[in-house]
Amino acid sequence: FAGALLGLYIGWHAAAGPSVRVANLVGSALWLAVTATGWRMARRR
């Protein structure tokens, strides 16, 4: 969660162009969502 949130921040400030910025933002958001889903599955046993 900390890494994904940091990735969102870094992704927003990427200097390698808009494609890299969007990829970093999408990747960080996806990582956060996938991990949260995994965590929810564990909580539901």
PDB file of all heavy atoms in Angstrom:
ATOM      1  N   PHE A   1       0.835  -1.200   0.000  1.00  0.00           N
ATOM      2  CA  PHE A   1       0.000   0.000   0.000  1.00  0.00           C
ATOM      3  C   PHE A   1       0.872   1.254   0.000  1.00  0.00           C
ATOM      4  O   PHE A   1       0.618   2.198  -0.745  1.00  0.00           O
ATOM      5  CB  PHE A   1      -0.965  -0.017   1.189  1.00  0.00           C
ATOM      6  CG  PHE A   1      -1.951  -1.145   1.105  1.00  0.00           C
ATOM      7  CD1 PHE A   1      -1.853  -2.232   1.947  1.00  0.00           C
ATOM      8  CD2 PHE A   1      -2.961  -1.132   0.155  1.00  0.00           C
ATOM      9  CE1 PHE A   1      -2.744  -3.280   1.856  1.00  0.00           C
ATOM     10  CE2 PHE A   1      -3.858  -2.179   0.050  1.00  0.00           C
ATOM     11  CZ  PHE A   1      -3.753  -3.255   0.906  1.00  0.00           C
ATOM     12  N   ALA A   2       1.925   1.240   0.791  1.00  0.00           N
ATOM     13  CA  ALA A   2       2.841   2.386   0.804  1.00  0.00           C
ATOM     14  C   ALA A   2       3.550   2.515  -0.541  1.00  0.00           C
ATOM     15  O   ALA A   2       3.679   3.622  -1.080  1.00  0.00           O
ATOM     16  CB  ALA A   2       3.863   2.227   1.929  1.00  0.00           C
ATOM     17  N   GLY A   3       3.986   1.391  -1.105  1.00  0.00           N
ATOM     18  CA  GLY A   3       4.668   1.414  -2.394  1.00  0.00           C
ATOM     19  C   GLY A   3       3.761   1.892  -3.513  1.00  0.00           C
ATOM     20  O   GLY A   3       4.171   2.668  -4.388  1.00  0.00           O
ATOM     21  N   ALA A   4       2.518   1.424  -3.514  1.00  0.00           N
ATOM     22  CA  ALA A   4       1.580   1.833  -4.553  1.00  0.00           C
ATOM     23  C   ALA A   4       1.235   3.318  -4.425  1.00  0.00           C
ATOM     24  O   ALA A   4       1.153   4.033  -5.437  1.00  0.00           O
ATOM     25  CB  ALA A   4       0.313   0.986  -4.492  1.00  0.00           C
ATOM     26  N   LEU A   5       1.056   3.779  -3.201  1.00  0.00           N
ATOM     27  CA  LEU A   5       0.766   5.206  -3.016  1.00  0.00           C
ATOM     28  C   LEU A   5       1.965   6.062  -3.426  1.00  0.00           C
ATOM     29  O   LEU A   5       1.803   7.107  -4.065  1.00  0.00           O
ATOM     30  CB  LEU A   5       0.363   5.484  -1.573  1.00  0.00           C
ATOM     31  CG  LEU A   5      -0.980   4.890  -1.153  1.00  0.00           C
ATOM     32  CD1 LEU A   5      -1.221   5.113   0.332  1.00  0.00           C
ATOM     33  CD2 LEU A   5      -2.120   5.481  -1.973  1.00  0.00           C
ATOM     34  N   LEU A   6       3.155   5.606  -3.088  1.00  0.00           N
ATOM     35  CA  LEU A   6       4.357   6.305  -3.520  1.00  0.00           C
ATOM     36  C   LEU A   6       4.474   6.252  -5.046  1.00  0.00           C
ATOM     37  O   LEU A   6       4.852   7.240  -5.684  1.00  0.00           O
ATOM     38  CB  LEU A   6       5.592   5.690  -2.866  1.00  0.00           C
ATOM     39  CG  LEU A   6       6.911   6.402  -3.104  1.00  0.00           C
ATOM     40  CD1 LEU A   6       6.859   7.838  -2.602  1.00  0.00           C
ATOM     41  CD2 LEU A   6       8.041   5.653  -2.413  1.00  0.00           C
ATOM     42  N   GLY A   7       4.132   5.120  -5.637  1.00  0.00           N
ATOM     43  CA  GLY A   7       4.138   4.992  -7.088  1.00  0.00           C
ATOM     44  C   GLY A   7       3.173   5.955  -7.756  1.00  0.00           C
ATOM     45  O   GLY A   7       3.462   6.498  -8.826  1.00  0.00           O
ATOM     46  N   LEU A   8       2.019   6.177  -7.134  1.00  0.00           N
ATOM     47  CA  LEU A   8       1.066   7.158  -7.672  1.00  0.00           C
ATOM     48  C   LEU A   8       1.674   8.557  -7.662  1.00  0.00           C
ATOM     49  O   LEU A   8       1.562   9.310  -8.629  1.00  0.00           O
ATOM     50  CB  LEU A   8      -0.239   7.137  -6.870  1.00  0.00           C
ATOM     51  CG  LEU A   8      -1.141   5.933  -7.094  1.00  0.00           C
ATOM     52  CD1 LEU A   8      -2.255   5.905  -6.057  1.00  0.00           C
ATOM     53  CD2 LEU A   8      -1.716   5.945  -8.499  1.00  0.00           C
ATOM     54  N   TYR A   9       2.340   8.892  -6.570  1.00  0.00           N
ATOM     55  CA  TYR A   9       2.975  10.205  -6.471  1.00  0.00           C
ATOM     56  C   TYR A   9       4.093  10.353  -7.500  1.00  0.00           C
ATOM     57  O   TYR A   9       4.162  11.351  -8.226  1.00  0.00           O
ATOM     58  CB  TYR A   9       3.520  10.424  -5.059  1.00  0.00           C
ATOM     59  CG  TYR A   9       4.260  11.732  -4.922  1.00  0.00           C
ATOM     60  CD1 TYR A   9       3.560  12.926  -4.756  1.00  0.00           C
ATOM     61  CD2 TYR A   9       5.644  11.780  -4.995  1.00  0.00           C
ATOM     62  CE1 TYR A   9       4.229  14.132  -4.655  1.00  0.00           C
ATOM     63  CE2 TYR A   9       6.324  12.983  -4.895  1.00  0.00           C
ATOM     64  CZ  TYR A   9       5.605  14.149  -4.730  1.00  0.00           C
ATOM     65  OH  TYR A   9       6.279  15.349  -4.637  1.00  0.00           O
ATOM     66  N   ILE A  10       4.967   9.347  -7.560  1.00  0.00           N
ATOM     67  CA  ILE A  10       6.085   9.401  -8.506  1.00  0.00           C
ATOM     68  C   ILE A  10       5.567   9.375  -9.937  1.00  0.00           C
ATOM     69  O   ILE A  10       6.065  10.085 -10.806  1.00  0.00           O
ATOM     70  CB  ILE A  10       7.065   8.240  -8.242  1.00  0.00           C
ATOM     71  CG1 ILE A  10       7.769   8.467  -6.903  1.00  0.00           C
ATOM     72  CG2 ILE A  10       8.082   8.103  -9.368  1.00  0.00           C
ATOM     73  CD1 ILE A  10       8.573   7.272  -6.426  1.00  0.00           C
ATOM     74  N   GLY A  11       4.554   8.543 -10.177  1.00  0.00           N
ATOM     75  CA  GLY A  11       3.970   8.454 -11.509  1.00  0.00           C
ATOM     76  C   GLY A  11       3.435   9.775 -12.001  1.00  0.00           C
ATOM     77  O   GLY A  11       3.572  10.129 -13.178  1.00  0.00           O
ATOM     78  N   TRP A  12       2.833  10.523 -11.110  1.00  0.00           N
ATOM     79  CA  TRP A  12       2.277  11.825 -11.482  1.00  0.00           C
ATOM     80  C   TRP A  12       3.378  12.803 -11.906  1.00  0.00           C
ATOM     81  O   TRP A  12       3.174  13.664 -12.735  1.00  0.00           O
ATOM     82  CB  TRP A  12       1.479  12.405 -10.326  1.00  0.00           C
ATOM     83  CG  TRP A  12       0.827  13.699 -10.700  1.00  0.00           C
ATOM     84  CD1 TRP A  12       1.208  14.947 -10.328  1.00  0.00           C
ATOM     85  CD2 TRP A  12      -0.309  13.861 -11.547  1.00  0.00           C
ATOM     86  NE1 TRP A  12       0.375  15.882 -10.893  1.00  0.00           N
ATOM     87  CE2 TRP A  12      -0.566  15.242 -11.642  1.00  0.00           C
ATOM     88  CE3 TRP A  12      -1.145  12.976 -12.236  1.00  0.00           C
ATOM     89  CZ2 TRP A  12      -1.621  15.754 -12.400  1.00  0.00           C
ATOM     90  CZ3 TRP A  12      -2.182  13.489 -12.984  1.00  0.00           C
ATOM     91  CH2 TRP A  12      -2.409  14.855 -13.056  1.00  0.00           C
ATOM     92  N   HIS A  13       4.563  12.631 -11.333  1.00  0.00           N
ATOM     93  CA  HIS A  13       5.667  13.553 -11.604  1.00  0.00           C
ATOM     94  C   HIS A  13       6.716  12.963 -12.553  1.00  0.00           C
ATOM     95  O   HIS A  13       7.835  13.476 -12.617  1.00  0.00           O
ATOM     96  CB  HIS A  13       6.337  13.960 -10.281  1.00  0.00           C
ATOM     97  CG  HIS A  13       5.402  14.689  -9.366  1.00  0.00           C
ATOM     98  ND1 HIS A  13       4.974  15.972  -9.609  1.00  0.00           N
ATOM     99  CD2 HIS A  13       4.772  14.297  -8.237  1.00  0.00           C
ATOM    100  CE1 HIS A  13       4.142  16.349  -8.655  1.00  0.00           C
ATOM    101  NE2 HIS A  13       4.000  15.349  -7.809  1.00  0.00           N
ATOM    102  N   ALA A  14       6.354  11.911 -13.293  1.00  0.00           N
ATOM    103  CA  ALA A  14       7.296  11.282 -14.231  1.00  0.00           C
ATOM    104  C   ALA A  14       7.706  12.281 -15.307  1.00  0.00           C
ATOM    105  O   ALA A  14       6.879  13.008 -15.856  1.00  0.00           O
ATOM    106  CB  ALA A  14       6.667  10.046 -14.867  1.00  0.00           C
ATOM    107  N   ALA A  15       8.992  12.295 -15.611  1.00  0.00           N
ATOM    108  CA  ALA A  15       9.515  13.253 -16.586  1.00  0.00           C
ATOM    109  C   ALA A  15       9.714  12.630 -17.962  1.00  0.00           C
ATOM    110  O   ALA A  15      10.223  13.286 -18.858  1.00  0.00           O
ATOM    111  CB  ALA A  15      10.841  13.817 -16.081  1.00  0.00           C
ATOM    112  N   ALA A  16       9.313  11.380 -18.151  1.00  0.00           N
ATOM    113  CA  ALA A  16       9.583  10.688 -19.416  1.00  0.00           C
ATOM    114  C   ALA A  16       8.414  10.758 -20.383  1.00  0.00           C
ATOM    115  O   ALA A  16       8.312   9.954 -21.274  1.00  0.00           O
ATOM    116  CB  ALA A  16       9.957   9.239 -19.142  1.00  0.00           C
ATOM    117  N   GLY A  17       7.525  11.691 -20.207  1.00  0.00           N
ATOM    118  CA  GLY A  17       6.428  11.871 -21.148  1.00  0.00           C
ATOM    119  C   GLY A  17       5.103  11.368 -20.621  1.00  0.00           C
ATOM    120  O   GLY A  17       5.033  10.654 -19.616  1.00  0.00           O
ATOM    121  N   PRO A  18       4.030  11.737 -21.312  1.00  0.00           N
ATOM    122  CA  PRO A  18       2.682  11.402 -20.832  1.00  0.00           C
ATOM    123  C   PRO A  18       2.373   9.903 -20.847  1.00  0.00           C
ATOM    124  O   PRO A  18       1.652   9.418 -19.990  1.00  0.00           O
ATOM    125  CB  PRO A  18       1.756  12.156 -21.790  1.00  0.00           C
ATOM    126  CG  PRO A  18       2.582  12.493 -22.980  1.00  0.00           C
ATOM    127  CD  PRO A  18       4.006  12.574 -22.507  1.00  0.00           C
ATOM    128  N   SER A  19       2.921   9.152 -21.793  1.00  0.00           N
ATOM    129  CA  SER A  19       2.663   7.714 -21.841  1.00  0.00           C
ATOM    130  C   SER A  19       3.224   7.030 -20.599  1.00  0.00           C
ATOM    131  O   SER A  19       2.573   6.163 -20.007  1.00  0.00           O
ATOM    132  CB  SER A  19       3.272   7.104 -23.102  1.00  0.00           C
ATOM    133  OG  SER A  19       3.064   5.717 -23.128  1.00  0.00           O
ATOM    134  N   VAL A  20       4.420   7.410 -20.202  1.00  0.00           N
ATOM    135  CA  VAL A  20       5.041   6.824 -19.006  1.00  0.00           C
ATOM    136  C   VAL A  20       4.281   7.273 -17.760  1.00  0.00           C
ATOM    137  O   VAL A  20       4.060   6.476 -16.849  1.00  0.00           O
ATOM    138  CB  VAL A  20       6.535   7.207 -18.925  1.00  0.00           C
ATOM    139  CG1 VAL A  20       7.153   6.750 -17.619  1.00  0.00           C
ATOM    140  CG2 VAL A  20       7.286   6.615 -20.110  1.00  0.00           C
ATOM    141  N   ARG A  21       3.855   8.521 -17.743  1.00  0.00           N
ATOM    142  CA  ARG A  21       3.086   9.015 -16.591  1.00  0.00           C
ATOM    143  C   ARG A  21       1.807   8.200 -16.426  1.00  0.00           C
ATOM    144  O   ARG A  21       1.492   7.726 -15.329  1.00  0.00           O
ATOM    145  CB  ARG A  21       2.751  10.496 -16.768  1.00  0.00           C
ATOM    146  CG  ARG A  21       1.931  11.043 -15.603  1.00  0.00           C
ATOM    147  CD  ARG A  21       1.670  12.518 -15.744  1.00  0.00           C
ATOM    148  NE  ARG A  21       2.949  13.208 -15.604  1.00  0.00           N
ATOM    149  CZ  ARG A  21       3.203  14.405 -16.104  1.00  0.00           C
ATOM    150  NH1 ARG A  21       2.285  15.051 -16.778  1.00  0.00           N
ATOM    151  NH2 ARG A  21       4.376  14.963 -15.924  1.00  0.00           N
ATOM    152  N   VAL A  22       1.074   8.018 -17.506  1.00  0.00           N
ATOM    153  CA  VAL A  22      -0.176   7.259 -17.427  1.00  0.00           C
ATOM    154  C   VAL A  22       0.102   5.808 -17.050  1.00  0.00           C
ATOM    155  O   VAL A  22      -0.606   5.227 -16.217  1.00  0.00           O
ATOM    156  CB  VAL A  22      -0.956   7.350 -18.764  1.00  0.00           C
ATOM    157  CG1 VAL A  22      -2.122   6.382 -18.785  1.00  0.00           C
ATOM    158  CG2 VAL A  22      -1.437   8.774 -18.995  1.00  0.00           C
ATOM    159  N   ALA A  23       1.128   5.206 -17.630  1.00  0.00           N
ATOM    160  CA  ALA A  23       1.464   3.819 -17.296  1.00  0.00           C
ATOM    161  C   ALA A  23       1.814   3.670 -15.822  1.00  0.00           C
ATOM    162  O   ALA A  23       1.391   2.704 -15.176  1.00  0.00           O
ATOM    163  CB  ALA A  23       2.630   3.337 -18.157  1.00  0.00           C
ATOM    164  N   ASN A  24       2.571   4.608 -15.280  1.00  0.00           N
ATOM    165  CA  ASN A  24       2.920   4.551 -13.857  1.00  0.00           C
ATOM    166  C   ASN A  24       1.691   4.722 -12.977  1.00  0.00           C
ATOM    167  O   ASN A  24       1.541   4.035 -11.959  1.00  0.00           O
ATOM    168  CB  ASN A  24       3.965   5.609 -13.513  1.00  0.00           C
ATOM    169  CG  ASN A  24       5.335   5.246 -14.012  1.00  0.00           C
ATOM    170  OD1 ASN A  24       5.662   4.081 -14.190  1.00  0.00           O
ATOM    171  ND2 ASN A  24       6.158   6.255 -14.258  1.00  0.00           N
ATOM    172  N   LEU A  25       0.806   5.622 -13.348  1.00  0.00           N
ATOM    173  CA  LEU A  25      -0.412   5.833 -12.562  1.00  0.00           C
ATOM    174  C   LEU A  25      -1.338   4.619 -12.640  1.00  0.00           C
ATOM    175  O   LEU A  25      -1.845   4.153 -11.620  1.00  0.00           O
ATOM    176  CB  LEU A  25      -1.142   7.093 -13.040  1.00  0.00           C
ATOM    177  CG  LEU A  25      -0.430   8.408 -12.745  1.00  0.00           C
ATOM    178  CD1 LEU A  25      -1.135   9.576 -13.434  1.00  0.00           C
ATOM    179  CD2 LEU A  25      -0.330   8.656 -11.253  1.00  0.00           C
ATOM    180  N   VAL A  26      -1.528   4.093 -13.841  1.00  0.00           N
ATOM    181  CA  VAL A  26      -2.378   2.911 -14.006  1.00  0.00           C
ATOM    182  C   VAL A  26      -1.761   1.713 -13.291  1.00  0.00           C
ATOM    183  O   VAL A  26      -2.460   0.972 -12.587  1.00  0.00           O
ATOM    184  CB  VAL A  26      -2.601   2.608 -15.508  1.00  0.00           C
ATOM    185  CG1 VAL A  26      -3.233   1.240 -15.709  1.00  0.00           C
ATOM    186  CG2 VAL A  26      -3.459   3.690 -16.141  1.00  0.00           C
ATOM    187  N   GLY A  27      -0.456   1.520 -13.446  1.00  0.00           N
ATOM    188  CA  GLY A  27       0.207   0.396 -12.794  1.00  0.00           C
ATOM    189  C   GLY A  27       0.118   0.463 -11.281  1.00  0.00           C
ATOM    190  O   GLY A  27      -0.148  -0.546 -10.626  1.00  0.00           O
ATOM    191  N   SER A  28       0.324   1.645 -10.722  1.00  0.00           N
ATOM    192  CA  SER A  28       0.245   1.793  -9.266  1.00  0.00           C
ATOM    193  C   SER A  28      -1.173   1.571  -8.761  1.00  0.00           C
ATOM    194  O   SER A  28      -1.381   0.893  -7.753  1.00  0.00           O
ATOM    195  CB  SER A  28       0.733   3.179  -8.849  1.00  0.00           C
ATOM    196  OG  SER A  28       2.094   3.318  -9.132  1.00  0.00           O
ATOM    197  N   ALA A  29      -2.144   2.125  -9.469  1.00  0.00           N
ATOM    198  CA  ALA A  29      -3.542   1.937  -9.071  1.00  0.00           C
ATOM    199  C   ALA A  29      -3.948   0.469  -9.195  1.00  0.00           C
ATOM    200  O   ALA A  29      -4.645  -0.076  -8.330  1.00  0.00           O
ATOM    201  CB  ALA A  29      -4.452   2.824  -9.920  1.00  0.00           C
ATOM    202  N   LEU A  30      -3.492  -0.185 -10.262  1.00  0.00           N
ATOM    203  CA  LEU A  30      -3.796  -1.599 -10.455  1.00  0.00           C
ATOM    204  C   LEU A  30      -3.144  -2.450  -9.369  1.00  0.00           C
ATOM    205  O   LEU A  30      -3.776  -3.364  -8.817  1.00  0.00           O
ATOM    206  CB  LEU A  30      -3.328  -2.039 -11.838  1.00  0.00           C
ATOM    207  CG  LEU A  30      -3.674  -3.458 -12.270  1.00  0.00           C
ATOM    208  CD1 LEU A  30      -5.185  -3.660 -12.306  1.00  0.00           C
ATOM    209  CD2 LEU A  30      -3.073  -3.735 -13.639  1.00  0.00           C
ATOM    210  N   TRP A  31      -1.903  -2.156  -9.039  1.00  0.00           N
ATOM    211  CA  TRP A  31      -1.203  -2.892  -7.979  1.00  0.00           C
ATOM    212  C   TRP A  31      -1.958  -2.745  -6.654  1.00  0.00           C
ATOM    213  O   TRP A  31      -2.159  -3.719  -5.923  1.00  0.00           O
ATOM    214  CB  TRP A  31       0.227  -2.381  -7.867  1.00  0.00           C
ATOM    215  CG  TRP A  31       1.134  -3.166  -6.972  1.00  0.00           C
ATOM    216  CD1 TRP A  31       1.062  -4.491  -6.652  1.00  0.00           C
ATOM    217  CD2 TRP A  31       2.274  -2.668  -6.282  1.00  0.00           C
ATOM    218  NE1 TRP A  31       2.088  -4.849  -5.817  1.00  0.00           N
ATOM    219  CE2 TRP A  31       2.848  -3.739  -5.571  1.00  0.00           C
ATOM    220  CE3 TRP A  31       2.880  -1.423  -6.200  1.00  0.00           C
ATOM    221  CZ2 TRP A  31       3.978  -3.605  -4.786  1.00  0.00           C
ATOM    222  CZ3 TRP A  31       4.009  -1.292  -5.425  1.00  0.00           C
ATOM    223  CH2 TRP A  31       4.549  -2.367  -4.723  1.00  0.00           C
ATOM    224  N   LEU A  32      -2.384  -1.537  -6.365  1.00  0.00           N
ATOM    225  CA  LEU A  32      -3.133  -1.280  -5.135  1.00  0.00           C
ATOM    226  C   LEU A  32      -4.458  -2.048  -5.136  1.00  0.00           C
ATOM    227  O   LEU A  32      -4.803  -2.709  -4.147  1.00  0.00           O
ATOM    228  CB  LEU A  32      -3.377   0.224  -5.002  1.00  0.00           C
ATOM    229  CG  LEU A  32      -3.963   0.743  -3.714  1.00  0.00           C
ATOM    230  CD1 LEU A  32      -3.068   0.400  -2.539  1.00  0.00           C
ATOM    231  CD2 LEU A  32      -4.143   2.260  -3.801  1.00  0.00           C
ATOM    232  N   ALA A  33      -5.181  -2.013  -6.244  1.00  0.00           N
ATOM    233  CA  ALA A  33      -6.475  -2.695  -6.328  1.00  0.00           C
ATOM    234  C   ALA A  33      -6.318  -4.212  -6.239  1.00  0.00           C
ATOM    235  O   ALA A  33      -7.090  -4.889  -5.543  1.00  0.00           O
ATOM    236  CB  ALA A  33      -7.184  -2.306  -7.628  1.00  0.00           C
ATOM    237  N   VAL A  34      -5.328  -4.762  -6.924  1.00  0.00           N
ATOM    238  CA  VAL A  34      -5.105  -6.210  -6.913  1.00  0.00           C
ATOM    239  C   VAL A  34      -4.715  -6.666  -5.508  1.00  0.00           C
ATOM    240  O   VAL A  34      -5.208  -7.682  -5.013  1.00  0.00           O
ATOM    241  CB  VAL A  34      -4.024  -6.584  -7.954  1.00  0.00           C
ATOM    242  CG1 VAL A  34      -3.496  -7.983  -7.732  1.00  0.00           C
ATOM    243  CG2 VAL A  34      -4.590  -6.441  -9.355  1.00  0.00           C
ATOM    244  N   THR A  35      -3.853  -5.918  -4.852  1.00  0.00           N
ATOM    245  CA  THR A  35      -3.429  -6.284  -3.503  1.00  0.00           C
ATOM    246  C   THR A  35      -4.587  -6.168  -2.515  1.00  0.00           C
ATOM    247  O   THR A  35      -4.755  -7.030  -1.648  1.00  0.00           O
ATOM    248  CB  THR A  35      -2.253  -5.400  -3.055  1.00  0.00           C
ATOM    249  OG1 THR A  35      -1.205  -5.539  -4.016  1.00  0.00           O
ATOM    250  CG2 THR A  35      -1.745  -5.804  -1.688  1.00  0.00           C
ATOM    251  N   ALA A  36      -5.385  -5.123  -2.647  1.00  0.00           N
ATOM    252  CA  ALA A  36      -6.555  -4.962  -1.777  1.00  0.00           C
ATOM    253  C   ALA A  36      -7.539  -6.110  -1.980  1.00  0.00           C
ATOM    254  O   ALA A  36      -8.125  -6.617  -1.017  1.00  0.00           O
ATOM    255  CB  ALA A  36      -7.228  -3.620  -2.047  1.00  0.00           C
ATOM    256  N   THR A  37      -7.697  -6.544  -3.217  1.00  0.00           N
ATOM    257  CA  THR A  37      -8.579  -7.678  -3.494  1.00  0.00           C
ATOM    258  C   THR A  37      -8.033  -8.943  -2.836  1.00  0.00           C
ATOM    259  O   THR A  37      -8.789  -9.707  -2.224  1.00  0.00           O
ATOM    260  CB  THR A  37      -8.730  -7.884  -5.013  1.00  0.00           C
ATOM    261  OG1 THR A  37      -9.265  -6.687  -5.587  1.00  0.00           O
ATOM    262  CG2 THR A  37      -9.656  -9.047  -5.325  1.00  0.00           C
ATOM    263  N   GLY A  38      -6.735  -9.160  -2.940  1.00  0.00           N
ATOM    264  CA  GLY A  38      -6.115 -10.315  -2.285  1.00  0.00           C
ATOM    265  C   GLY A  38      -6.282 -10.267  -0.779  1.00  0.00           C
ATOM    266  O   GLY A  38      -6.571 -11.291  -0.138  1.00  0.00           O
ATOM    267  N   TRP A  39      -6.117  -9.097  -0.213  1.00  0.00           N
ATOM    268  CA  TRP A  39      -6.282  -8.929   1.231  1.00  0.00           C
ATOM    269  C   TRP A  39      -7.728  -9.234   1.645  1.00  0.00           C
ATOM    270  O   TRP A  39      -7.972  -9.922   2.644  1.00  0.00           O
ATOM    271  CB  TRP A  39      -5.887  -7.505   1.623  1.00  0.00           C
ATOM    272  CG  TRP A  39      -5.971  -7.226   3.085  1.00  0.00           C
ATOM    273  CD1 TRP A  39      -5.129  -7.661   4.058  1.00  0.00           C
ATOM    274  CD2 TRP A  39      -6.975  -6.451   3.736  1.00  0.00           C
ATOM    275  NE1 TRP A  39      -5.538  -7.199   5.284  1.00  0.00           N
ATOM    276  CE2 TRP A  39      -6.673  -6.442   5.114  1.00  0.00           C
ATOM    277  CE3 TRP A  39      -8.089  -5.746   3.298  1.00  0.00           C
ATOM    278  CZ2 TRP A  39      -7.456  -5.784   6.038  1.00  0.00           C
ATOM    279  CZ3 TRP A  39      -8.859  -5.079   4.224  1.00  0.00           C
ATOM    280  CH2 TRP A  39      -8.541  -5.112   5.576  1.00  0.00           C
ATOM    281  N   ARG A  40      -8.691  -8.731   0.835  1.00  0.00           N
ATOM    282  CA  ARG A  40     -10.105  -9.000   1.128  1.00  0.00           C
ATOM    283  C   ARG A  40     -10.402 -10.497   1.069  1.00  0.00           C
ATOM    284  O   ARG A  40     -11.168 -11.020   1.880  1.00  0.00           O
ATOM    285  CB  ARG A  40     -11.017  -8.251   0.155  1.00  0.00           C
ATOM    286  CG  ARG A  40     -11.297  -6.832   0.563  1.00  0.00           C
ATOM    287  CD  ARG A  40     -12.519  -6.239  -0.132  1.00  0.00           C
ATOM    288  NE  ARG A  40     -12.798  -6.795  -1.431  1.00  0.00           N
ATOM    289  CZ  ARG A  40     -12.477  -6.244  -2.595  1.00  0.00           C
ATOM    290  NH1 ARG A  40     -11.850  -5.100  -2.618  1.00  0.00           N
ATOM    291  NH2 ARG A  40     -12.796  -6.827  -3.731  1.00  0.00           N
ATOM    292  N   MET A  41      -9.803 -11.181   0.104  1.00  0.00           N
ATOM    293  CA  MET A  41     -10.021 -12.629  -0.009  1.00  0.00           C
ATOM    294  C   MET A  41      -9.499 -13.349   1.231  1.00  0.00           C
ATOM    295  O   MET A  41     -10.134 -14.280   1.729  1.00  0.00           O
ATOM    296  CB  MET A  41      -9.345 -13.186  -1.264  1.00  0.00           C
ATOM    297  CG  MET A  41      -9.918 -12.705  -2.582  1.00  0.00           C
ATOM    298  SD  MET A  41     -11.633 -13.160  -2.817  1.00  0.00           S
ATOM    299  CE  MET A  41     -12.415 -11.547  -2.816  1.00  0.00           C
ATOM    300  N   ALA A  42      -8.367 -12.939   1.749  1.00  0.00           N
ATOM    301  CA  ALA A  42      -7.818 -13.555   2.960  1.00  0.00           C
ATOM    302  C   ALA A  42      -8.730 -13.277   4.156  1.00  0.00           C
ATOM    303  O   ALA A  42      -8.958 -14.170   4.977  1.00  0.00           O
ATOM    304  CB  ALA A  42      -6.408 -13.036   3.231  1.00  0.00           C
ATOM    305  N   ARG A  43      -9.223 -12.061   4.251  1.00  0.00           N
ATOM    306  CA  ARG A  43     -10.117 -11.712   5.365  1.00  0.00           C
ATOM    307  C   ARG A  43     -11.400 -12.541   5.329  1.00  0.00           C
ATOM    308  O   ARG A  43     -11.987 -12.825   6.365  1.00  0.00           O
ATOM    309  CB  ARG A  43     -10.461 -10.220   5.325  1.00  0.00           C
ATOM    310  CG  ARG A  43      -9.281  -9.295   5.473  1.00  0.00           C
ATOM    311  CD  ARG A  43      -8.854  -9.067   6.869  1.00  0.00           C
ATOM    312  NE  ARG A  43      -9.916  -8.419   7.608  1.00  0.00           N
ATOM    313  CZ  ARG A  43     -10.027  -8.464   8.926  1.00  0.00           C
ATOM    314  NH1 ARG A  43      -9.152  -9.085   9.633  1.00  0.00           N
ATOM    315  NH2 ARG A  43     -11.007  -7.846   9.530  1.00  0.00           N
ATOM    316  N   ARG A  44     -11.828 -12.919   4.119  1.00  0.00           N
ATOM    317  CA  ARG A  44     -13.034 -13.742   3.954  1.00  0.00           C
ATOM    318  C   ARG A  44     -12.722 -15.243   4.032  1.00  0.00           C
ATOM    319  O   ARG A  44     -13.589 -16.060   3.791  1.00  0.00           O
ATOM    320  CB  ARG A  44     -13.701 -13.427   2.617  1.00  0.00           C
ATOM    321  CG  ARG A  44     -14.267 -12.038   2.554  1.00  0.00           C
ATOM    322  CD  ARG A  44     -14.893 -11.765   1.219  1.00  0.00           C
ATOM    323  NE  ARG A  44     -15.396 -10.405   1.171  1.00  0.00           N
ATOM    324  CZ  ARG A  44     -15.752  -9.800   0.067  1.00  0.00           C
ATOM    325  NH1 ARG A  44     -15.663 -10.414  -1.093  1.00  0.00           N
ATOM    326  NH2 ARG A  44     -16.207  -8.569   0.107  1.00  0.00           N
ATOM    327  N   ARG A  45     -11.456 -15.561   4.304  1.00  0.00           N
ATOM    328  CA  ARG A  45     -10.975 -16.934   4.410  1.00  0.00           C
ATOM    329  C   ARG A  45     -11.106 -17.699   3.086  1.00  0.00           C
ATOM    330  O   ARG A  45     -11.249 -18.907   3.065  1.00  0.00           O
ATOM    331  CB  ARG A  45     -11.678 -17.682   5.538  1.00  0.00           C
ATOM    332  CG  ARG A  45     -11.438 -17.042   6.888  1.00  0.00           C
ATOM    333  CD  ARG A  45     -11.647 -18.073   7.972  1.00  0.00           C
ATOM    334  NE  ARG A  45     -11.287 -17.589   9.278  1.00  0.00           N
ATOM    335  CZ  ARG A  45     -10.040 -17.436   9.736  1.00  0.00           C
ATOM    336  NH1 ARG A  45      -9.036 -17.689   8.963  1.00  0.00           N
ATOM    337  NH2 ARG A  45      -9.822 -17.031  10.961  1.00  0.00           N
TER     338      ARG A  45
END
